[in-house]
Protein backbone atom coordinates (compact mmCIF):
# COMPACT_ATOMS: atom_id res chain seq x y z
CA MET A 1 4.96 -41.75 62.02
CA LYS A 2 1.84 -43.49 60.78
CA VAL A 3 2.41 -46.85 59.08
CA VAL A 4 -0.11 -48.13 56.55
CA ASP A 5 0.27 -51.67 55.15
CA GLY A 6 3.84 -51.80 56.36
CA HIS A 7 4.86 -48.52 54.69
CA SER A 8 5.47 -45.13 56.16
CA GLY A 9 2.92 -42.34 55.63
CA THR A 10 5.16 -40.68 53.10
CA ARG A 11 3.92 -41.94 49.74
CA ARG A 12 5.68 -41.88 46.43
CA PRO A 13 3.99 -39.68 43.87
CA SER A 14 1.87 -41.56 41.39
CA THR A 15 2.80 -41.81 37.72
CA THR A 16 0.00 -39.36 36.92
CA ALA A 17 1.30 -36.86 39.46
CA ARG A 18 4.85 -37.19 38.20
CA TYR A 19 3.72 -36.17 34.69
CA ALA A 20 1.29 -33.44 35.74
CA THR A 21 3.99 -31.07 34.50
CA PRO A 22 4.60 -31.77 30.81
CA PRO A 23 7.95 -33.43 30.21
CA PRO A 24 10.52 -31.35 28.33
CA LEU A 25 10.92 -31.91 24.63
CA ARG A 26 14.16 -32.81 22.97
CA ARG A 27 15.84 -30.12 20.92
CA GLY A 28 15.51 -32.17 17.79
CA PRO A 29 15.85 -30.98 14.20
CA VAL A 30 12.18 -30.03 13.81
CA LEU A 31 12.22 -27.84 16.92
CA VAL A 32 15.55 -26.23 16.03
CA THR A 33 14.46 -25.57 12.45
CA ALA A 34 11.19 -24.03 13.61
CA ALA A 35 13.03 -21.87 16.14
CA PHE A 36 15.51 -20.50 13.61
CA ALA A 37 12.69 -19.91 11.12
CA ALA A 38 10.83 -17.90 13.76
CA LEU A 39 14.02 -16.02 14.58
CA GLY A 40 14.61 -15.10 10.94
CA GLY A 41 10.98 -14.10 10.55
CA ALA A 42 11.37 -11.77 13.54
CA LEU A 43 14.75 -10.30 12.62
CA ILE A 44 13.74 -9.26 9.11
CA PRO A 45 11.07 -6.77 10.27
CA ALA A 46 13.34 -5.76 13.16
CA ALA A 47 16.09 -4.81 10.68
CA SER A 48 13.69 -2.57 8.76
CA VAL A 49 12.55 -0.65 11.86
CA PRO A 50 15.15 2.19 11.63
CA ALA A 51 14.17 2.96 8.03
CA LEU A 52 10.48 2.61 8.87
CA TRP A 53 10.88 4.96 11.84
CA ARG A 54 11.81 7.78 9.46
CA ILE A 55 8.52 7.27 7.60
CA TRP A 56 5.95 6.61 10.31
CA GLN A 57 6.73 5.87 13.94
CA PHE A 58 3.53 3.95 14.67
CA TYR A 59 4.32 1.20 12.16
CA ALA A 60 7.93 1.15 13.36
CA MET A 61 6.81 0.55 16.95
CA LEU A 62 4.37 -2.15 15.80
CA PHE A 63 7.11 -3.94 13.85
CA ALA A 64 9.53 -3.62 16.77
CA LEU A 65 6.96 -5.05 19.21
CA VAL A 66 6.15 -8.05 17.01
CA ALA A 67 9.85 -8.69 16.39
CA ALA A 68 10.76 -8.43 20.09
CA VAL A 69 7.99 -10.83 21.13
CA GLY A 70 9.12 -13.25 18.42
CA VAL A 71 12.75 -13.20 19.57
CA VAL A 72 11.74 -13.71 23.21
CA ALA A 73 9.52 -16.64 22.19
CA VAL A 74 12.44 -18.29 20.38
CA VAL A 75 14.69 -17.90 23.42
CA VAL A 76 12.01 -19.38 25.68
CA VAL A 77 11.20 -22.34 23.46
CA LEU A 78 14.88 -23.24 23.02
CA GLY A 79 15.64 -22.71 26.70
CA TRP A 80 12.58 -24.55 28.02
CA PRO A 81 11.34 -26.80 25.22
CA THR A 82 7.88 -28.07 26.24
CA ARG A 83 4.61 -28.46 24.40
CA ARG A 84 3.36 -25.31 26.07
CA THR A 85 6.31 -23.17 24.95
CA ALA A 86 6.13 -24.72 21.46
CA ARG A 87 2.49 -23.65 21.22
CA ALA A 88 3.47 -20.18 22.41
CA GLY A 89 6.16 -20.07 19.71
CA ALA A 90 3.59 -21.04 17.09
CA LEU A 91 1.27 -18.29 18.34
CA THR A 92 3.91 -15.57 18.18
CA ALA A 93 5.04 -16.71 14.71
CA ALA A 94 1.41 -16.61 13.62
CA ALA A 95 1.18 -13.03 14.92
CA GLY A 96 4.13 -12.00 12.75
CA LEU A 97 2.55 -13.74 9.78
CA ALA A 98 -0.75 -11.97 10.48
CA LEU A 99 1.03 -8.60 10.29
CA TRP A 100 2.24 -9.47 6.79
CA VAL A 101 -1.18 -10.77 5.70
CA ALA A 102 -2.89 -7.62 7.00
CA SER A 103 -0.49 -5.44 5.03
CA ARG A 104 0.06 -7.31 1.77
CA PRO A 105 -2.78 -9.66 0.74
CA LEU A 106 -5.51 -7.76 2.62
CA GLY A 107 -4.15 -4.21 2.31
CA LEU A 108 -5.54 -3.15 5.69
CA LEU A 109 -2.59 -0.93 6.67
CA THR A 110 -3.69 1.86 4.39
CA ARG A 111 -1.50 4.86 5.14
CA LEU A 112 1.49 3.19 3.47
CA ASP A 113 2.89 -0.27 2.96
CA PRO A 114 5.11 -0.76 6.02
CA TRP A 115 7.03 -3.61 4.39
CA GLN A 116 8.47 -1.38 1.65
CA PRO A 117 11.55 -0.33 3.68
CA ALA A 118 12.45 -4.02 3.98
CA ASP A 119 12.31 -4.42 0.20
CA THR A 120 14.85 -1.79 -0.84
CA ILE A 121 17.42 -4.19 -2.32
CA VAL A 122 15.33 -7.34 -2.84
CA GLY A 123 11.71 -6.88 -3.79
CA PHE A 124 10.49 -10.03 -2.07
CA THR A 125 12.24 -9.76 1.31
CA ASP A 126 8.88 -9.50 3.05
CA TYR A 127 7.72 -12.69 1.31
CA ALA A 128 10.80 -14.42 2.73
CA ALA A 129 9.84 -13.26 6.22
CA ALA A 130 6.30 -14.58 5.74
CA ALA A 131 7.59 -17.93 4.44
CA LEU A 132 9.85 -18.31 7.47
CA GLN A 133 6.93 -17.65 9.80
CA VAL A 134 4.89 -20.31 8.00
CA VAL A 135 7.72 -22.80 8.55
CA ALA A 136 7.91 -21.77 12.21
CA VAL A 137 4.17 -22.18 12.82
CA PHE A 138 4.12 -25.58 11.14
CA GLY A 139 7.24 -26.81 12.93
CA PHE A 140 6.16 -25.68 16.39
CA LEU A 141 2.72 -27.25 15.97
CA VAL A 142 4.25 -30.55 14.82
CA VAL A 143 6.49 -30.59 17.88
CA ALA A 144 3.66 -29.65 20.24
CA ARG A 145 1.47 -32.52 19.02
CA ARG A 146 4.07 -35.25 19.45
CA ARG A 147 3.84 -37.79 22.22
CA ALA A 148 6.69 -38.06 24.69
CA HIS A 149 9.03 -40.53 23.02
CA PRO A 150 11.45 -42.84 24.80
CA ARG A 151 15.07 -41.96 24.29
CA PRO A 152 15.65 -42.55 20.58
CA SER A 153 18.66 -44.43 19.36
CA ALA A 154 21.69 -42.63 18.04
CA LEU A 155 20.85 -43.97 14.57
CA ARG A 156 17.34 -42.52 14.74
CA ARG A 157 18.60 -39.13 15.92
CA GLY A 158 21.29 -39.05 13.26
CA ALA A 159 18.84 -39.95 10.50
CA ALA A 160 16.47 -37.17 11.61
CA TRP A 161 19.25 -34.58 11.48
CA VAL A 162 20.40 -35.78 8.06
CA VAL A 163 16.86 -35.40 6.69
CA TRP A 164 16.25 -31.99 8.22
CA PHE A 165 19.71 -30.46 7.86
CA PRO A 166 19.16 -29.13 4.28
CA VAL A 167 15.91 -27.50 5.44
CA LEU A 168 17.73 -25.94 8.40
CA LEU A 169 20.46 -24.60 6.09
CA LEU A 170 17.83 -23.09 3.79
CA VAL A 171 16.09 -21.47 6.75
CA LEU A 172 19.37 -20.03 8.05
CA ALA A 173 20.37 -18.72 4.62
CA THR A 174 16.95 -17.15 4.02
CA GLY A 175 16.84 -15.52 7.44
CA SER A 176 20.38 -14.17 7.16
CA ALA A 177 19.96 -12.83 3.64
CA GLY A 178 16.58 -11.31 4.46
CA THR A 179 17.94 -9.58 7.55
CA VAL A 180 20.90 -8.15 5.63
CA ALA A 181 18.59 -6.95 2.83
CA ALA A 182 16.07 -5.38 5.21
CA GLY A 183 18.85 -3.70 7.20
CA ASP A 184 20.21 -1.94 4.14
CA GLY A 185 17.94 0.99 4.99
CA LEU A 186 20.16 1.71 8.01
CA THR A 187 22.56 3.51 5.69
CA GLY A 188 19.89 5.09 3.52
CA THR A 189 18.97 8.72 3.25
CA THR A 190 16.71 10.61 5.55
CA ALA A 191 14.11 12.99 4.19
CA SER A 192 16.61 15.67 3.24
CA THR A 193 16.68 19.01 1.54
CA LEU A 194 18.95 20.01 -1.33
CA LEU A 195 21.88 19.16 -1.09
CA ASP A 196 23.46 17.55 1.96
CA SER A 197 26.14 14.88 1.56
CA GLY A 198 25.36 14.09 -2.06
CA THR A 199 22.11 12.26 -1.32
CA VAL A 200 18.65 13.72 -1.81
CA GLU A 201 15.11 12.46 -1.60
CA TYR A 202 13.95 12.91 -5.16
CA CYS A 203 10.44 11.58 -4.79
CA ARG A 204 8.01 10.15 -2.24
CA GLN A 205 5.74 7.54 -3.81
CA ASP A 206 2.92 6.03 -1.72
CA GLY A 207 4.60 7.42 1.39
CA ILE A 208 7.98 5.81 0.57
CA PRO A 209 10.96 8.20 0.29
CA LEU A 210 13.21 7.41 -2.68
CA ALA A 211 16.89 8.31 -2.60
CA MET A 212 19.19 9.71 -5.25
CA ASP A 213 22.99 9.90 -4.98
CA ILE A 214 24.56 12.67 -7.06
CA ALA A 215 28.23 12.47 -7.99
CA ARG A 216 29.34 15.73 -9.58
CA PRO A 217 32.49 16.97 -11.32
CA ARG A 218 33.82 20.44 -10.67
CA PRO A 219 32.79 22.32 -13.81
CA ALA A 220 32.78 26.06 -14.26
CA GLY A 221 29.11 25.99 -15.19
CA PRO A 222 26.07 23.71 -14.99
CA ALA A 223 27.06 20.11 -15.77
CA PRO A 224 25.29 17.69 -18.08
CA VAL A 225 23.68 14.94 -16.02
CA VAL A 226 23.24 11.20 -16.48
CA LEU A 227 20.37 9.48 -14.73
CA PHE A 228 21.80 6.04 -13.84
CA LEU A 229 19.31 3.17 -13.41
CA HIS A 230 20.68 0.03 -11.76
CA GLY A 231 20.04 -3.51 -12.93
CA GLY A 232 18.68 -6.49 -11.04
CA GLY A 233 15.71 -7.72 -13.05
CA LEU A 234 13.41 -5.12 -11.43
CA ILE A 235 13.39 -7.28 -8.29
CA SER A 236 16.81 -6.58 -6.73
CA GLY A 237 19.67 -4.09 -6.53
CA ASN A 238 19.97 -0.48 -5.43
CA ARG A 239 21.73 2.76 -6.27
CA LYS A 240 24.84 2.17 -4.16
CA THR A 241 28.31 1.37 -5.47
CA GLY A 242 29.09 -1.14 -2.72
CA GLY A 243 27.32 -3.65 -0.50
CA PRO A 244 24.76 -6.37 -1.20
CA GLY A 245 22.55 -4.16 -3.34
CA ALA A 246 25.42 -3.26 -5.64
CA LEU A 247 26.37 -6.93 -5.89
CA LEU A 248 22.84 -7.89 -6.93
CA ALA A 249 22.63 -4.97 -9.36
CA GLY A 250 25.93 -5.86 -11.03
CA ALA A 251 27.58 -2.56 -10.07
CA SER A 252 29.33 -0.96 -13.03
CA PRO A 253 32.44 1.28 -13.06
CA LEU A 254 30.68 3.33 -15.72
CA ARG A 255 29.52 5.93 -13.20
CA GLY A 256 33.10 6.83 -12.32
CA ASP A 257 34.06 7.04 -15.99
CA LEU A 258 31.19 9.42 -16.69
CA THR A 259 32.09 11.69 -13.77
CA ALA A 260 35.68 11.79 -15.00
CA ARG A 261 34.39 12.97 -18.40
CA GLY A 262 32.56 15.93 -16.84
CA PHE A 263 29.10 14.45 -16.30
CA ALA A 264 27.14 14.60 -13.08
CA VAL A 265 25.70 11.15 -12.35
CA ALA A 266 22.40 10.80 -10.49
CA SER A 267 21.93 7.20 -9.29
CA ILE A 268 18.51 6.35 -7.90
CA ASP A 269 16.68 3.76 -5.91
CA TYR A 270 13.35 2.84 -7.43
CA ARG A 271 10.60 0.66 -6.02
CA LEU A 272 11.24 -2.99 -6.68
CA LEU A 273 8.86 -5.66 -7.87
CA PRO A 274 6.90 -7.64 -6.73
CA ALA A 275 6.79 -5.57 -3.51
CA ALA A 276 5.50 -2.74 -5.68
CA ARG A 277 3.37 -3.16 -8.79
CA TRP A 278 4.35 -2.33 -12.32
CA PRO A 279 4.68 0.45 -13.53
CA ALA A 280 6.09 1.68 -10.17
CA PRO A 281 9.78 1.52 -11.25
CA LEU A 282 9.06 3.44 -14.45
CA ALA A 283 7.00 6.03 -12.54
CA ASP A 284 9.96 6.52 -10.20
CA ALA A 285 12.39 6.98 -13.09
CA LYS A 286 10.11 9.61 -14.62
CA CYS A 287 9.84 11.33 -11.24
CA ALA A 288 13.65 11.42 -11.04
CA VAL A 289 13.87 13.19 -14.42
CA ARG A 290 11.27 15.73 -13.32
CA PHE A 291 13.19 16.28 -10.07
CA LEU A 292 16.45 16.93 -11.92
CA LYS A 293 14.76 19.42 -14.22
CA ALA A 294 12.95 21.25 -11.42
CA ASN A 295 16.05 21.49 -9.19
CA ALA A 296 18.74 21.92 -11.83
CA ALA A 297 19.74 25.41 -10.68
CA ALA A 298 20.15 24.36 -7.02
CA LEU A 299 22.16 21.31 -8.07
CA ASN A 300 24.28 23.20 -10.66
CA LEU A 301 23.01 20.94 -13.46
CA ASP A 302 21.99 21.67 -17.03
CA PRO A 303 18.29 20.71 -17.38
CA ALA A 304 18.58 20.66 -21.19
CA ARG A 305 21.27 17.94 -21.10
CA ILE A 306 19.72 15.12 -19.08
CA THR A 307 20.45 11.64 -20.42
CA ALA A 308 19.57 8.17 -19.12
CA VAL A 309 21.82 5.12 -18.77
CA GLY A 310 20.84 1.73 -17.42
CA THR A 311 22.27 -1.76 -17.08
CA GLY A 312 20.11 -4.88 -17.29
CA ALA A 313 16.52 -4.10 -16.37
CA GLY A 314 17.69 -0.57 -15.54
CA GLY A 315 18.51 -0.27 -19.24
CA THR A 316 14.95 -1.36 -20.00
CA LEU A 317 13.68 1.50 -17.81
CA ALA A 318 16.04 3.93 -19.58
CA SER A 319 14.70 2.73 -22.94
CA LEU A 320 11.13 3.24 -21.77
CA LEU A 321 11.99 6.80 -20.77
CA GLY A 322 13.16 7.33 -24.33
CA VAL A 323 10.13 5.83 -26.09
CA ALA A 324 7.47 7.06 -23.62
CA GLY A 325 7.16 10.42 -25.35
CA GLU A 326 6.27 12.43 -22.21
CA PRO A 327 7.73 15.97 -22.40
CA ASP A 328 8.11 16.52 -18.65
CA SER A 329 10.23 13.36 -18.27
CA ALA A 330 11.94 13.34 -21.68
CA VAL A 331 15.69 12.76 -21.86
CA ARG A 332 18.22 13.83 -24.46
CA ALA A 333 19.75 10.41 -25.10
CA VAL A 334 19.46 6.81 -23.87
CA ALA A 335 22.13 4.15 -23.35
CA ALA A 336 20.85 0.64 -22.53
CA LEU A 337 23.45 -2.02 -21.69
CA ASN A 338 22.55 -5.71 -21.67
CA ALA A 339 18.94 -4.64 -21.37
CA PRO A 340 15.93 -6.80 -22.31
CA ALA A 341 13.88 -5.07 -24.99
CA ASP A 342 10.91 -7.43 -24.71
CA PHE A 343 9.30 -9.59 -22.00
CA ASP A 344 7.53 -12.08 -24.22
CA LEU A 345 7.61 -15.37 -22.29
CA ALA A 346 7.89 -17.61 -25.34
CA GLY A 347 11.12 -19.55 -25.72
CA LEU A 348 12.70 -18.47 -22.42
CA ASP A 349 14.82 -20.67 -20.20
CA PRO A 350 13.12 -21.60 -16.90
CA LEU A 351 15.21 -19.23 -14.73
CA THR A 352 14.57 -16.17 -16.91
CA ARG A 353 10.90 -17.05 -17.19
CA ALA A 354 10.59 -17.41 -13.41
CA SER A 355 12.32 -14.04 -12.91
CA ILE A 356 9.91 -12.28 -15.27
CA LEU A 357 6.87 -13.95 -13.74
CA THR A 358 8.06 -12.96 -10.25
CA ALA A 359 8.49 -9.34 -11.27
CA LEU A 360 5.71 -8.72 -13.76
CA GLY A 361 3.31 -11.63 -13.57
CA ARG A 362 1.79 -13.12 -16.70
CA SER A 363 -0.66 -10.40 -17.74
CA PRO A 364 -0.09 -9.73 -21.48
CA ALA A 365 -0.93 -6.05 -20.99
CA THR A 366 1.70 -5.66 -18.26
CA LEU A 367 4.35 -7.52 -20.26
CA ARG A 368 3.69 -5.30 -23.29
CA SER A 369 3.76 -2.14 -21.18
CA ALA A 370 7.18 -3.08 -19.75
CA SER A 371 8.66 -3.94 -23.17
CA PRO A 372 10.29 -1.06 -25.10
CA LEU A 373 9.78 -3.04 -28.32
CA SER A 374 6.01 -2.69 -27.86
CA HIS A 375 6.16 1.13 -28.08
CA SER A 376 6.21 3.02 -31.35
CA GLY A 377 9.47 4.88 -30.73
CA ALA A 378 8.39 7.86 -32.82
CA GLY A 379 10.10 11.04 -31.62
CA ALA A 380 12.54 9.16 -29.33
CA PRO A 381 16.03 10.61 -28.69
CA PRO A 382 19.24 8.94 -29.92
CA PHE A 383 19.82 5.44 -28.53
CA LEU A 384 22.84 3.32 -27.74
CA LEU A 385 21.94 -0.37 -27.48
CA ALA A 386 24.66 -2.76 -26.33
CA GLY A 387 23.32 -6.27 -25.86
CA GLY A 388 20.26 -7.70 -24.21
CA ARG A 389 17.36 -9.88 -25.29
CA LYS A 390 15.91 -8.65 -28.61
CA SER A 391 18.10 -5.53 -28.60
CA ALA A 392 18.77 -6.05 -32.31
CA GLU A 393 15.03 -6.06 -32.97
CA LEU A 394 14.64 -2.87 -30.91
CA ALA A 395 17.45 -1.20 -32.87
CA ALA A 396 15.72 -2.04 -36.15
CA HIS A 397 12.37 -0.92 -34.74
CA LEU A 398 13.78 2.46 -33.67
CA ARG A 399 15.63 3.02 -36.93
CA ALA A 400 12.40 2.38 -38.80
CA ALA A 401 10.84 5.16 -36.69
CA GLY A 402 13.67 7.54 -37.69
CA VAL A 403 15.62 7.33 -34.41
CA PRO A 404 19.46 7.39 -34.56
CA VAL A 405 20.77 4.15 -33.02
CA THR A 406 24.32 3.20 -32.06
CA THR A 407 25.16 -0.41 -31.26
CA ASN A 408 28.71 -0.17 -29.90
CA SER A 409 29.61 0.00 -26.20
CA ASP A 410 31.33 3.41 -26.11
CA VAL A 411 28.85 4.94 -23.69
CA THR A 412 30.90 7.96 -22.67
CA GLY A 413 31.66 8.89 -26.27
CA PHE A 414 28.02 8.47 -27.26
CA LEU A 415 26.76 10.60 -24.37
CA THR A 416 29.40 13.26 -24.90
CA ALA A 417 28.26 13.66 -28.49
CA ALA A 418 24.55 13.52 -27.57
CA ALA A 419 24.86 16.03 -24.71
CA GLY A 420 26.65 18.46 -26.97
């Protein structure tokens, strides 16, 4: 063995050589938060893939690919946390964010909006996915730019977790809620014909199939029908009687009461704001009325006895059906429960104001269009108004236009009399 300066020929690696491979990073709060944000941002589009597959397979495969790459990147960065894997995580999160930007702000995915199936019970689920990806990109880049730090003290590590723990909780809650909301389409309807298991596709707006559940009594002849419009401030809820959408909509036992009194009840999903733009929910409600009239014989319904009932913002939509004055979507009576009659922003509490701005924006023309109180009301059918912002003003406005108005909460009695 060759000896050089009293040492064997086997040399210790230099400090530079020892760190030629980047040292691993600690799984600190920033890295963990970024990883879970990326995971949530990947799982939300993944949960919407089954519903999207029924609309257009190409977008479904694109969403599935982006989601799969995002999940793999999270596993890699948590399993082998280095600057290189952190940069890779930032890149994959940025790719998921780019898919949202291409669809929403830029509108480049033109055949249909592929994020709509994710927004069936909360109209900003896709915005939550984009926000999580922003957090992931930022967090991964911060971690990747840090210098290798000597082992921090227990106090330093504890302080970092205390500071970041609320952010981590918010990320986990947003990712979980968004995934549950986007996955609601798993139990939705397929594009069906009349009438399978009580669910039909009543309309297809901008490529998005909209579902209607029909609960029917067993009458001898065609039944009067109630179009039921769920609440949720136009930004949340769905037609179902159970699950997260029903919870957000404030599900009402009224539908069962109406069926027991001999009414068929048609409960619909409509496009939610801000994922869709006003007047999309109202256009969907009108389309539902036209569907019921056109298919009344096949559904054993009476097209001359179609009424509309809504709770919360669904009641606002029902009121707009009544005051719109369009013959093809006219209804025989309207019952609006706890329904806002006006969306004037003046004098509102901050939460209500934020909800309206999220759904409708601040355009005066849009706010007027969505407010039943802004319409003349001439020729409207009988109304039942039971609570809601400025409902008393709407009642007076309709009575001045010669419309019969009831202000008690006996919905079934009112509809029974109105349907004749």
